ModelCIF file with pLDDT and N, C-alpha, C, O atoms, coordinates in Angstrom:
data_MODEL
#
_entry.id   MODEL 
#
_entity.id                         1 
_entity.type                       polymer 
_entity.pdbx_number_of_molecules   1 
#
_entity_poly.entity_id                      1 
_entity_poly.type                           'polypeptide(L)' 
_entity_poly.nstd_linkage                   no 
_entity_poly.nstd_monomer                   no 
_entity_poly.pdbx_seq_one_letter_code       
;(UNK)(UNK)(UNK)(UNK)(UNK)(UNK)(UNK)(UNK)(UNK)(UNK)(UNK)(UNK)(UNK)(UNK)(UNK)(UNK)
(UNK)(UNK)(UNK)(UNK)(UNK)(UNK)(UNK)(UNK)(UNK)(UNK)(UNK)(UNK)(UNK)(UNK)(UNK)(UNK)
(UNK)(UNK)(UNK)(UNK)(UNK)(UNK)(UNK)(UNK)(UNK)(UNK)(UNK)(UNK)
;
_entity_poly.pdbx_seq_one_letter_code_can   XXXXXXXXXXXXXXXXXXXXXXXXXXXXXXXXXXXXXXXXXXXX 
_entity_poly.pdbx_strand_id                 A 
#
loop_
_entity_poly_seq.entity_id 
_entity_poly_seq.num 
_entity_poly_seq.mon_id 
_entity_poly_seq.hetero 
1 1  UNK n 
1 2  UNK n 
1 3  UNK n 
1 4  UNK n 
1 5  UNK n 
1 6  UNK n 
1 7  UNK n 
1 8  UNK n 
1 9  UNK n 
1 10 UNK n 
1 11 UNK n 
1 12 UNK n 
1 13 UNK n 
1 14 UNK n 
1 15 UNK n 
1 16 UNK n 
1 17 UNK n 
1 18 UNK n 
1 19 UNK n 
1 20 UNK n 
1 21 UNK n 
1 22 UNK n 
1 23 UNK n 
1 24 UNK n 
1 25 UNK n 
1 26 UNK n 
1 27 UNK n 
1 28 UNK n 
1 29 UNK n 
1 30 UNK n 
1 31 UNK n 
1 32 UNK n 
1 33 UNK n 
1 34 UNK n 
1 35 UNK n 
1 36 UNK n 
1 37 UNK n 
1 38 UNK n 
1 39 UNK n 
1 40 UNK n 
1 41 UNK n 
1 42 UNK n 
1 43 UNK n 
1 44 UNK n 
#
_struct_asym.id          A 
_struct_asym.entity_id   1 
#
loop_
_ma_qa_metric.id 
_ma_qa_metric.mode 
_ma_qa_metric.name 
_ma_qa_metric.software_group_id 
_ma_qa_metric.type 
1 global pLDDT . pLDDT 
2 local  pLDDT . pLDDT 
#
_ma_qa_metric_global.metric_id      1 
_ma_qa_metric_global.metric_value   93.45 
_ma_qa_metric_global.model_id       1 
_ma_qa_metric_global.ordinal_id     1 
#
loop_
_ma_qa_metric_local.label_asym_id 
_ma_qa_metric_local.label_comp_id 
_ma_qa_metric_local.label_seq_id 
_ma_qa_metric_local.metric_id 
_ma_qa_metric_local.metric_value 
_ma_qa_metric_local.model_id 
_ma_qa_metric_local.ordinal_id 
A UNK 1  2 90.00 1 1  
A UNK 2  2 92.00 1 2  
A UNK 3  2 91.00 1 3  
A UNK 4  2 93.00 1 4  
A UNK 5  2 96.00 1 5  
A UNK 6  2 97.00 1 6  
A UNK 7  2 96.00 1 7  
A UNK 8  2 97.00 1 8  
A UNK 9  2 97.00 1 9  
A UNK 10 2 98.00 1 10 
A UNK 11 2 97.00 1 11 
A UNK 12 2 97.00 1 12 
A UNK 13 2 98.00 1 13 
A UNK 14 2 98.00 1 14 
A UNK 15 2 97.00 1 15 
A UNK 16 2 96.00 1 16 
A UNK 17 2 96.00 1 17 
A UNK 18 2 96.00 1 18 
A UNK 19 2 97.00 1 19 
A UNK 20 2 97.00 1 20 
A UNK 21 2 97.00 1 21 
A UNK 22 2 97.00 1 22 
A UNK 23 2 98.00 1 23 
A UNK 24 2 98.00 1 24 
A UNK 25 2 97.00 1 25 
A UNK 26 2 97.00 1 26 
A UNK 27 2 98.00 1 27 
A UNK 28 2 97.00 1 28 
A UNK 29 2 96.00 1 29 
A UNK 30 2 96.00 1 30 
A UNK 31 2 96.00 1 31 
A UNK 32 2 95.00 1 32 
A UNK 33 2 94.00 1 33 
A UNK 34 2 93.00 1 34 
A UNK 35 2 90.00 1 35 
A UNK 36 2 89.00 1 36 
A UNK 37 2 90.00 1 37 
A UNK 38 2 86.00 1 38 
A UNK 39 2 85.00 1 39 
A UNK 40 2 86.00 1 40 
A UNK 41 2 85.00 1 41 
A UNK 42 2 81.00 1 42 
A UNK 43 2 78.00 1 43 
A UNK 44 2 77.00 1 44 
#
loop_
_atom_site.group_PDB 
_atom_site.id 
_atom_site.type_symbol 
_atom_site.label_atom_id 
_atom_site.label_alt_id 
_atom_site.label_comp_id 
_atom_site.label_asym_id 
_atom_site.label_entity_id 
_atom_site.label_seq_id 
_atom_site.pdbx_PDB_ins_code 
_atom_site.Cartn_x 
_atom_site.Cartn_y 
_atom_site.Cartn_z 
_atom_site.occupancy 
_atom_site.B_iso_or_equiv 
_atom_site.pdbx_formal_charge 
_atom_site.auth_seq_id 
_atom_site.auth_comp_id 
_atom_site.auth_asym_id 
_atom_site.auth_atom_id 
_atom_site.pdbx_PDB_model_num 
ATOM 1   N N  . UNK A 1 1  ? -4.246  2.491   6.778   1.00 90.00 ? 1  UNK A N  1 
ATOM 2   C CA . UNK A 1 1  ? -4.609  1.151   6.290   1.00 90.00 ? 1  UNK A CA 1 
ATOM 3   C C  . UNK A 1 1  ? -6.083  1.051   5.907   1.00 90.00 ? 1  UNK A C  1 
ATOM 4   O O  . UNK A 1 1  ? -6.437  0.251   5.041   1.00 90.00 ? 1  UNK A O  1 
ATOM 5   N N  . UNK A 1 2  ? -6.947  1.844   6.533   1.00 92.00 ? 2  UNK A N  1 
ATOM 6   C CA . UNK A 1 2  ? -8.380  1.811   6.220   1.00 92.00 ? 2  UNK A CA 1 
ATOM 7   C C  . UNK A 1 2  ? -8.567  2.272   4.767   1.00 92.00 ? 2  UNK A C  1 
ATOM 8   O O  . UNK A 1 2  ? -7.999  3.286   4.362   1.00 92.00 ? 2  UNK A O  1 
ATOM 9   N N  . UNK A 1 3  ? -9.362  1.531   3.986   1.00 91.00 ? 3  UNK A N  1 
ATOM 10  C CA . UNK A 1 3  ? -9.427  1.698   2.532   1.00 91.00 ? 3  UNK A CA 1 
ATOM 11  C C  . UNK A 1 3  ? -9.744  3.122   2.079   1.00 91.00 ? 3  UNK A C  1 
ATOM 12  O O  . UNK A 1 3  ? -9.058  3.648   1.203   1.00 91.00 ? 3  UNK A O  1 
ATOM 13  N N  . UNK A 1 4  ? -10.753 3.751   2.649   1.00 93.00 ? 4  UNK A N  1 
ATOM 14  C CA . UNK A 1 4  ? -11.135 5.089   2.203   1.00 93.00 ? 4  UNK A CA 1 
ATOM 15  C C  . UNK A 1 4  ? -10.013 6.089   2.467   1.00 93.00 ? 4  UNK A C  1 
ATOM 16  O O  . UNK A 1 4  ? -9.656  6.876   1.590   1.00 93.00 ? 4  UNK A O  1 
ATOM 17  N N  . UNK A 1 5  ? -9.465  6.057   3.667   1.00 96.00 ? 5  UNK A N  1 
ATOM 18  C CA . UNK A 1 5  ? -8.370  6.974   3.999   1.00 96.00 ? 5  UNK A CA 1 
ATOM 19  C C  . UNK A 1 5  ? -7.109  6.614   3.225   1.00 96.00 ? 5  UNK A C  1 
ATOM 20  O O  . UNK A 1 5  ? -6.348  7.498   2.834   1.00 96.00 ? 5  UNK A O  1 
ATOM 21  N N  . UNK A 1 6  ? -6.883  5.330   3.004   1.00 97.00 ? 6  UNK A N  1 
ATOM 22  C CA . UNK A 1 6  ? -5.730  4.873   2.221   1.00 97.00 ? 6  UNK A CA 1 
ATOM 23  C C  . UNK A 1 6  ? -5.749  5.527   0.843   1.00 97.00 ? 6  UNK A C  1 
ATOM 24  O O  . UNK A 1 6  ? -4.752  6.103   0.405   1.00 97.00 ? 6  UNK A O  1 
ATOM 25  N N  . UNK A 1 7  ? -6.889  5.434   0.166   1.00 96.00 ? 7  UNK A N  1 
ATOM 26  C CA . UNK A 1 7  ? -6.975  6.003   -1.180  1.00 96.00 ? 7  UNK A CA 1 
ATOM 27  C C  . UNK A 1 7  ? -6.829  7.517   -1.164  1.00 96.00 ? 7  UNK A C  1 
ATOM 28  O O  . UNK A 1 7  ? -6.222  8.089   -2.069  1.00 96.00 ? 7  UNK A O  1 
ATOM 29  N N  . UNK A 1 8  ? -7.379  8.172   -0.148  1.00 97.00 ? 8  UNK A N  1 
ATOM 30  C CA . UNK A 1 8  ? -7.220  9.630   -0.041  1.00 97.00 ? 8  UNK A CA 1 
ATOM 31  C C  . UNK A 1 8  ? -5.749  9.989   0.164   1.00 97.00 ? 8  UNK A C  1 
ATOM 32  O O  . UNK A 1 8  ? -5.245  10.936  -0.439  1.00 97.00 ? 8  UNK A O  1 
ATOM 33  N N  . UNK A 1 9  ? -5.069  9.229   1.014   1.00 97.00 ? 9  UNK A N  1 
ATOM 34  C CA . UNK A 1 9  ? -3.637  9.478   1.256   1.00 97.00 ? 9  UNK A CA 1 
ATOM 35  C C  . UNK A 1 9  ? -2.818  9.248   -0.008  1.00 97.00 ? 9  UNK A C  1 
ATOM 36  O O  . UNK A 1 9  ? -1.942  10.046  -0.340  1.00 97.00 ? 9  UNK A O  1 
ATOM 37  N N  . UNK A 1 10 ? -3.105  8.160   -0.709  1.00 98.00 ? 10 UNK A N  1 
ATOM 38  C CA . UNK A 1 10 ? -2.373  7.849   -1.945  1.00 98.00 ? 10 UNK A CA 1 
ATOM 39  C C  . UNK A 1 10 ? -2.624  8.933   -2.987  1.00 98.00 ? 10 UNK A C  1 
ATOM 40  O O  . UNK A 1 10 ? -1.692  9.378   -3.657  1.00 98.00 ? 10 UNK A O  1 
ATOM 41  N N  . UNK A 1 11 ? -3.874  9.359   -3.126  1.00 97.00 ? 11 UNK A N  1 
ATOM 42  C CA . UNK A 1 11 ? -4.195  10.428  -4.086  1.00 97.00 ? 11 UNK A CA 1 
ATOM 43  C C  . UNK A 1 11 ? -3.443  11.715  -3.756  1.00 97.00 ? 11 UNK A C  1 
ATOM 44  O O  . UNK A 1 11 ? -2.934  12.392  -4.649  1.00 97.00 ? 11 UNK A O  1 
ATOM 45  N N  . UNK A 1 12 ? -3.378  12.043  -2.475  1.00 97.00 ? 12 UNK A N  1 
ATOM 46  C CA . UNK A 1 12 ? -2.664  13.259  -2.059  1.00 97.00 ? 12 UNK A CA 1 
ATOM 47  C C  . UNK A 1 12 ? -1.177  13.148  -2.408  1.00 97.00 ? 12 UNK A C  1 
ATOM 48  O O  . UNK A 1 12 ? -0.581  14.107  -2.899  1.00 97.00 ? 12 UNK A O  1 
ATOM 49  N N  . UNK A 1 13 ? -0.581  11.984  -2.155  1.00 98.00 ? 13 UNK A N  1 
ATOM 50  C CA . UNK A 1 13 ? 0.833   11.785  -2.503  1.00 98.00 ? 13 UNK A CA 1 
ATOM 51  C C  . UNK A 1 13 ? 1.039   11.837  -4.014  1.00 98.00 ? 13 UNK A C  1 
ATOM 52  O O  . UNK A 1 13 ? 2.020   12.406  -4.493  1.00 98.00 ? 13 UNK A O  1 
ATOM 53  N N  . UNK A 1 14 ? 0.116   11.244  -4.757  1.00 98.00 ? 14 UNK A N  1 
ATOM 54  C CA . UNK A 1 14 ? 0.222   11.245  -6.222  1.00 98.00 ? 14 UNK A CA 1 
ATOM 55  C C  . UNK A 1 14 ? 0.187   12.667  -6.765  1.00 98.00 ? 14 UNK A C  1 
ATOM 56  O O  . UNK A 1 14 ? 0.940   13.008  -7.677  1.00 98.00 ? 14 UNK A O  1 
ATOM 57  N N  . UNK A 1 15 ? -0.684  13.491  -6.207  1.00 97.00 ? 15 UNK A N  1 
ATOM 58  C CA . UNK A 1 15 ? -0.761  14.889  -6.654  1.00 97.00 ? 15 UNK A CA 1 
ATOM 59  C C  . UNK A 1 15 ? 0.479   15.671  -6.241  1.00 97.00 ? 15 UNK A C  1 
ATOM 60  O O  . UNK A 1 15 ? 1.025   16.448  -7.024  1.00 97.00 ? 15 UNK A O  1 
ATOM 61  N N  . UNK A 1 16 ? 0.918   15.457  -4.999  1.00 96.00 ? 16 UNK A N  1 
ATOM 62  C CA . UNK A 1 16 ? 2.063   16.206  -4.468  1.00 96.00 ? 16 UNK A CA 1 
ATOM 63  C C  . UNK A 1 16 ? 3.335   15.933  -5.261  1.00 96.00 ? 16 UNK A C  1 
ATOM 64  O O  . UNK A 1 16 ? 4.108   16.845  -5.558  1.00 96.00 ? 16 UNK A O  1 
ATOM 65  N N  . UNK A 1 17 ? 3.541   14.643  -5.603  1.00 96.00 ? 17 UNK A N  1 
ATOM 66  C CA . UNK A 1 17 ? 4.793   14.267  -6.265  1.00 96.00 ? 17 UNK A CA 1 
ATOM 67  C C  . UNK A 1 17 ? 4.621   13.943  -7.745  1.00 96.00 ? 17 UNK A C  1 
ATOM 68  O O  . UNK A 1 17 ? 5.546   13.462  -8.401  1.00 96.00 ? 17 UNK A O  1 
ATOM 69  N N  . UNK A 1 18 ? 3.416   14.214  -8.265  1.00 96.00 ? 18 UNK A N  1 
ATOM 70  C CA . UNK A 1 18 ? 3.145   13.977  -9.680  1.00 96.00 ? 18 UNK A CA 1 
ATOM 71  C C  . UNK A 1 18 ? 3.563   12.562  -10.096 1.00 96.00 ? 18 UNK A C  1 
ATOM 72  O O  . UNK A 1 18 ? 4.365   12.368  -11.010 1.00 96.00 ? 18 UNK A O  1 
ATOM 73  N N  . UNK A 1 19 ? 2.993   11.594  -9.396  1.00 97.00 ? 19 UNK A N  1 
ATOM 74  C CA . UNK A 1 19 ? 3.313   10.198  -9.690  1.00 97.00 ? 19 UNK A CA 1 
ATOM 75  C C  . UNK A 1 19 ? 2.035   9.399   -9.878  1.00 97.00 ? 19 UNK A C  1 
ATOM 76  O O  . UNK A 1 19 ? 0.935   9.898   -9.643  1.00 97.00 ? 19 UNK A O  1 
ATOM 77  N N  . UNK A 1 20 ? 2.191   8.179   -10.295 1.00 97.00 ? 20 UNK A N  1 
ATOM 78  C CA . UNK A 1 20 ? 1.045   7.290   -10.534 1.00 97.00 ? 20 UNK A CA 1 
ATOM 79  C C  . UNK A 1 20 ? 0.543   6.729   -9.203  1.00 97.00 ? 20 UNK A C  1 
ATOM 80  O O  . UNK A 1 20 ? 1.194   5.887   -8.586  1.00 97.00 ? 20 UNK A O  1 
ATOM 81  N N  . UNK A 1 21 ? -0.610  7.203   -8.778  1.00 97.00 ? 21 UNK A N  1 
ATOM 82  C CA . UNK A 1 21 ? -1.196  6.737   -7.532  1.00 97.00 ? 21 UNK A CA 1 
ATOM 83  C C  . UNK A 1 21 ? -1.565  5.270   -7.567  1.00 97.00 ? 21 UNK A C  1 
ATOM 84  O O  . UNK A 1 21 ? -1.448  4.578   -6.555  1.00 97.00 ? 21 UNK A O  1 
ATOM 85  N N  . UNK A 1 22 ? -2.015  4.778   -8.731  1.00 97.00 ? 22 UNK A N  1 
ATOM 86  C CA . UNK A 1 22 ? -2.373  3.364   -8.829  1.00 97.00 ? 22 UNK A CA 1 
ATOM 87  C C  . UNK A 1 22 ? -1.149  2.482   -8.587  1.00 97.00 ? 22 UNK A C  1 
ATOM 88  O O  . UNK A 1 22 ? -1.250  1.437   -7.945  1.00 97.00 ? 22 UNK A O  1 
ATOM 89  N N  . UNK A 1 23 ? -0.010  2.899   -9.095  1.00 98.00 ? 23 UNK A N  1 
ATOM 90  C CA . UNK A 1 23 ? 1.222   2.132   -8.888  1.00 98.00 ? 23 UNK A CA 1 
ATOM 91  C C  . UNK A 1 23 ? 1.666   2.192   -7.427  1.00 98.00 ? 23 UNK A C  1 
ATOM 92  O O  . UNK A 1 23 ? 2.094   1.185   -6.864  1.00 98.00 ? 23 UNK A O  1 
ATOM 93  N N  . UNK A 1 24 ? 1.565   3.359   -6.823  1.00 98.00 ? 24 UNK A N  1 
ATOM 94  C CA . UNK A 1 24 ? 1.942   3.486   -5.424  1.00 98.00 ? 24 UNK A CA 1 
ATOM 95  C C  . UNK A 1 24 ? 1.042   2.618   -4.553  1.00 98.00 ? 24 UNK A C  1 
ATOM 96  O O  . UNK A 1 24 ? 1.527   1.936   -3.650  1.00 98.00 ? 24 UNK A O  1 
ATOM 97  N N  . UNK A 1 25 ? -0.255  2.636   -4.812  1.00 97.00 ? 25 UNK A N  1 
ATOM 98  C CA . UNK A 1 25 ? -1.191  1.794   -4.055  1.00 97.00 ? 25 UNK A CA 1 
ATOM 99  C C  . UNK A 1 25 ? -0.843  0.316   -4.226  1.00 97.00 ? 25 UNK A C  1 
ATOM 100 O O  . UNK A 1 25 ? -0.849  -0.439  -3.254  1.00 97.00 ? 25 UNK A O  1 
ATOM 101 N N  . UNK A 1 26 ? -0.540  -0.098  -5.456  1.00 97.00 ? 26 UNK A N  1 
ATOM 102 C CA . UNK A 1 26 ? -0.182  -1.492  -5.727  1.00 97.00 ? 26 UNK A CA 1 
ATOM 103 C C  . UNK A 1 26 ? 1.094   -1.878  -4.977  1.00 97.00 ? 26 UNK A C  1 
ATOM 104 O O  . UNK A 1 26 ? 1.181   -2.975  -4.425  1.00 97.00 ? 26 UNK A O  1 
ATOM 105 N N  . UNK A 1 27 ? 2.067   -0.996  -4.955  1.00 98.00 ? 27 UNK A N  1 
ATOM 106 C CA . UNK A 1 27 ? 3.331   -1.264  -4.262  1.00 98.00 ? 27 UNK A CA 1 
ATOM 107 C C  . UNK A 1 27 ? 3.082   -1.458  -2.764  1.00 98.00 ? 27 UNK A C  1 
ATOM 108 O O  . UNK A 1 27 ? 3.585   -2.404  -2.159  1.00 98.00 ? 27 UNK A O  1 
ATOM 109 N N  . UNK A 1 28 ? 2.308   -0.558  -2.183  1.00 97.00 ? 28 UNK A N  1 
ATOM 110 C CA . UNK A 1 28 ? 2.029   -0.646  -0.746  1.00 97.00 ? 28 UNK A CA 1 
ATOM 111 C C  . UNK A 1 28 ? 1.280   -1.931  -0.430  1.00 97.00 ? 28 UNK A C  1 
ATOM 112 O O  . UNK A 1 28 ? 1.624   -2.629  0.524   1.00 97.00 ? 28 UNK A O  1 
ATOM 113 N N  . UNK A 1 29 ? 0.268   -2.251  -1.211  1.00 96.00 ? 29 UNK A N  1 
ATOM 114 C CA . UNK A 1 29 ? -0.520  -3.473  -0.968  1.00 96.00 ? 29 UNK A CA 1 
ATOM 115 C C  . UNK A 1 29 ? 0.320   -4.725  -1.164  1.00 96.00 ? 29 UNK A C  1 
ATOM 116 O O  . UNK A 1 29 ? 0.164   -5.694  -0.421  1.00 96.00 ? 29 UNK A O  1 
ATOM 117 N N  . UNK A 1 30 ? 1.208   -4.721  -2.152  1.00 96.00 ? 30 UNK A N  1 
ATOM 118 C CA . UNK A 1 30 ? 2.069   -5.888  -2.363  1.00 96.00 ? 30 UNK A CA 1 
ATOM 119 C C  . UNK A 1 30 ? 3.011   -6.079  -1.175  1.00 96.00 ? 30 UNK A C  1 
ATOM 120 O O  . UNK A 1 30 ? 3.205   -7.204  -0.714  1.00 96.00 ? 30 UNK A O  1 
ATOM 121 N N  . UNK A 1 31 ? 3.589   -5.001  -0.684  1.00 96.00 ? 31 UNK A N  1 
ATOM 122 C CA . UNK A 1 31 ? 4.486   -5.082  0.470   1.00 96.00 ? 31 UNK A CA 1 
ATOM 123 C C  . UNK A 1 31 ? 3.717   -5.566  1.705   1.00 96.00 ? 31 UNK A C  1 
ATOM 124 O O  . UNK A 1 31 ? 4.228   -6.373  2.481   1.00 96.00 ? 31 UNK A O  1 
ATOM 125 N N  . UNK A 1 32 ? 2.495   -5.071  1.879   1.00 95.00 ? 32 UNK A N  1 
ATOM 126 C CA . UNK A 1 32 ? 1.668   -5.525  3.002   1.00 95.00 ? 32 UNK A CA 1 
ATOM 127 C C  . UNK A 1 32 ? 1.373   -7.019  2.893   1.00 95.00 ? 32 UNK A C  1 
ATOM 128 O O  . UNK A 1 32 ? 1.422   -7.741  3.889   1.00 95.00 ? 32 UNK A O  1 
ATOM 129 N N  . UNK A 1 33 ? 1.066   -7.480  1.682   1.00 94.00 ? 33 UNK A N  1 
ATOM 130 C CA . UNK A 1 33 ? 0.777   -8.902  1.477   1.00 94.00 ? 33 UNK A CA 1 
ATOM 131 C C  . UNK A 1 33 ? 2.016   -9.757  1.759   1.00 94.00 ? 33 UNK A C  1 
ATOM 132 O O  . UNK A 1 33 ? 1.918   -10.802 2.402   1.00 94.00 ? 33 UNK A O  1 
ATOM 133 N N  . UNK A 1 34 ? 3.162   -9.316  1.285   1.00 93.00 ? 34 UNK A N  1 
ATOM 134 C CA . UNK A 1 34 ? 4.398   -10.053 1.552   1.00 93.00 ? 34 UNK A CA 1 
ATOM 135 C C  . UNK A 1 34 ? 4.702   -10.116 3.042   1.00 93.00 ? 34 UNK A C  1 
ATOM 136 O O  . UNK A 1 34 ? 5.147   -11.147 3.546   1.00 93.00 ? 34 UNK A O  1 
ATOM 137 N N  . UNK A 1 35 ? 4.465   -9.022  3.742   1.00 90.00 ? 35 UNK A N  1 
ATOM 138 C CA . UNK A 1 35 ? 4.697   -8.991  5.189   1.00 90.00 ? 35 UNK A CA 1 
ATOM 139 C C  . UNK A 1 35 ? 3.757   -9.953  5.902   1.00 90.00 ? 35 UNK A C  1 
ATOM 140 O O  . UNK A 1 35 ? 4.167   -10.639 6.838   1.00 90.00 ? 35 UNK A O  1 
ATOM 141 N N  . UNK A 1 36 ? 2.493   -10.009 5.466   1.00 89.00 ? 36 UNK A N  1 
ATOM 142 C CA . UNK A 1 36 ? 1.531   -10.923 6.083   1.00 89.00 ? 36 UNK A CA 1 
ATOM 143 C C  . UNK A 1 36 ? 1.933   -12.374 5.848   1.00 89.00 ? 36 UNK A C  1 
ATOM 144 O O  . UNK A 1 36 ? 1.825   -13.205 6.749   1.00 89.00 ? 36 UNK A O  1 
ATOM 145 N N  . UNK A 1 37 ? 2.394   -12.675 4.650   1.00 90.00 ? 37 UNK A N  1 
ATOM 146 C CA . UNK A 1 37 ? 2.847   -14.035 4.342   1.00 90.00 ? 37 UNK A CA 1 
ATOM 147 C C  . UNK A 1 37 ? 4.073   -14.385 5.171   1.00 90.00 ? 37 UNK A C  1 
ATOM 148 O O  . UNK A 1 37 ? 4.154   -15.479 5.729   1.00 90.00 ? 37 UNK A O  1 
ATOM 149 N N  . UNK A 1 38 ? 5.024   -13.465 5.256   1.00 86.00 ? 38 UNK A N  1 
ATOM 150 C CA . UNK A 1 38 ? 6.222   -13.719 6.054   1.00 86.00 ? 38 UNK A CA 1 
ATOM 151 C C  . UNK A 1 38 ? 5.868   -13.941 7.516   1.00 86.00 ? 38 UNK A C  1 
ATOM 152 O O  . UNK A 1 38 ? 6.468   -14.786 8.181   1.00 86.00 ? 38 UNK A O  1 
ATOM 153 N N  . UNK A 1 39 ? 4.903   -13.194 8.016   1.00 85.00 ? 39 UNK A N  1 
ATOM 154 C CA . UNK A 1 39 ? 4.491   -13.361 9.409   1.00 85.00 ? 39 UNK A CA 1 
ATOM 155 C C  . UNK A 1 39 ? 3.853   -14.732 9.615   1.00 85.00 ? 39 UNK A C  1 
ATOM 156 O O  . UNK A 1 39 ? 4.123   -15.390 10.620  1.00 85.00 ? 39 UNK A O  1 
ATOM 157 N N  . UNK A 1 40 ? 3.016   -15.170 8.686   1.00 86.00 ? 40 UNK A N  1 
ATOM 158 C CA . UNK A 1 40 ? 2.387   -16.486 8.805   1.00 86.00 ? 40 UNK A CA 1 
ATOM 159 C C  . UNK A 1 40 ? 3.427   -17.592 8.718   1.00 86.00 ? 40 UNK A C  1 
ATOM 160 O O  . UNK A 1 40 ? 3.351   -18.575 9.454   1.00 86.00 ? 40 UNK A O  1 
ATOM 161 N N  . UNK A 1 41 ? 4.384   -17.442 7.836   1.00 85.00 ? 41 UNK A N  1 
ATOM 162 C CA . UNK A 1 41 ? 5.457   -18.438 7.721   1.00 85.00 ? 41 UNK A CA 1 
ATOM 163 C C  . UNK A 1 41 ? 6.253   -18.490 9.017   1.00 85.00 ? 41 UNK A C  1 
ATOM 164 O O  . UNK A 1 41 ? 6.602   -19.572 9.489   1.00 85.00 ? 41 UNK A O  1 
ATOM 165 N N  . UNK A 1 42 ? 6.542   -17.328 9.595   1.00 81.00 ? 42 UNK A N  1 
ATOM 166 C CA . UNK A 1 42 ? 7.301   -17.285 10.843  1.00 81.00 ? 42 UNK A CA 1 
ATOM 167 C C  . UNK A 1 42 ? 6.533   -17.957 11.971  1.00 81.00 ? 42 UNK A C  1 
ATOM 168 O O  . UNK A 1 42 ? 7.109   -18.707 12.759  1.00 81.00 ? 42 UNK A O  1 
ATOM 169 N N  . UNK A 1 43 ? 5.224   -17.690 12.050  1.00 78.00 ? 43 UNK A N  1 
ATOM 170 C CA . UNK A 1 43 ? 4.397   -18.322 13.080  1.00 78.00 ? 43 UNK A CA 1 
ATOM 171 C C  . UNK A 1 43 ? 4.405   -19.837 12.890  1.00 78.00 ? 43 UNK A C  1 
ATOM 172 O O  . UNK A 1 43 ? 4.546   -20.586 13.857  1.00 78.00 ? 43 UNK A O  1 
ATOM 173 N N  . UNK A 1 44 ? 4.255   -20.282 11.650  1.00 77.00 ? 44 UNK A N  1 
ATOM 174 C CA . UNK A 1 44 ? 4.268   -21.726 11.372  1.00 77.00 ? 44 UNK A CA 1 
ATOM 175 C C  . UNK A 1 44 ? 5.630   -22.324 11.707  1.00 77.00 ? 44 UNK A C  1 
ATOM 176 O O  . UNK A 1 44 ? 5.834   -23.527 11.539  1.00 77.00 ? 44 UNK A O  1 
#
């Protein structure tokens, strides 16, 4: 989750699987944001 390590991990996955790292990062961040919103809604 830490930004520097996150980007290093995403870059490694992008190279390993020959995929778009920017898209993978966006997907992970979007899922994290949705989870945070769902958690706040549940708490409320």
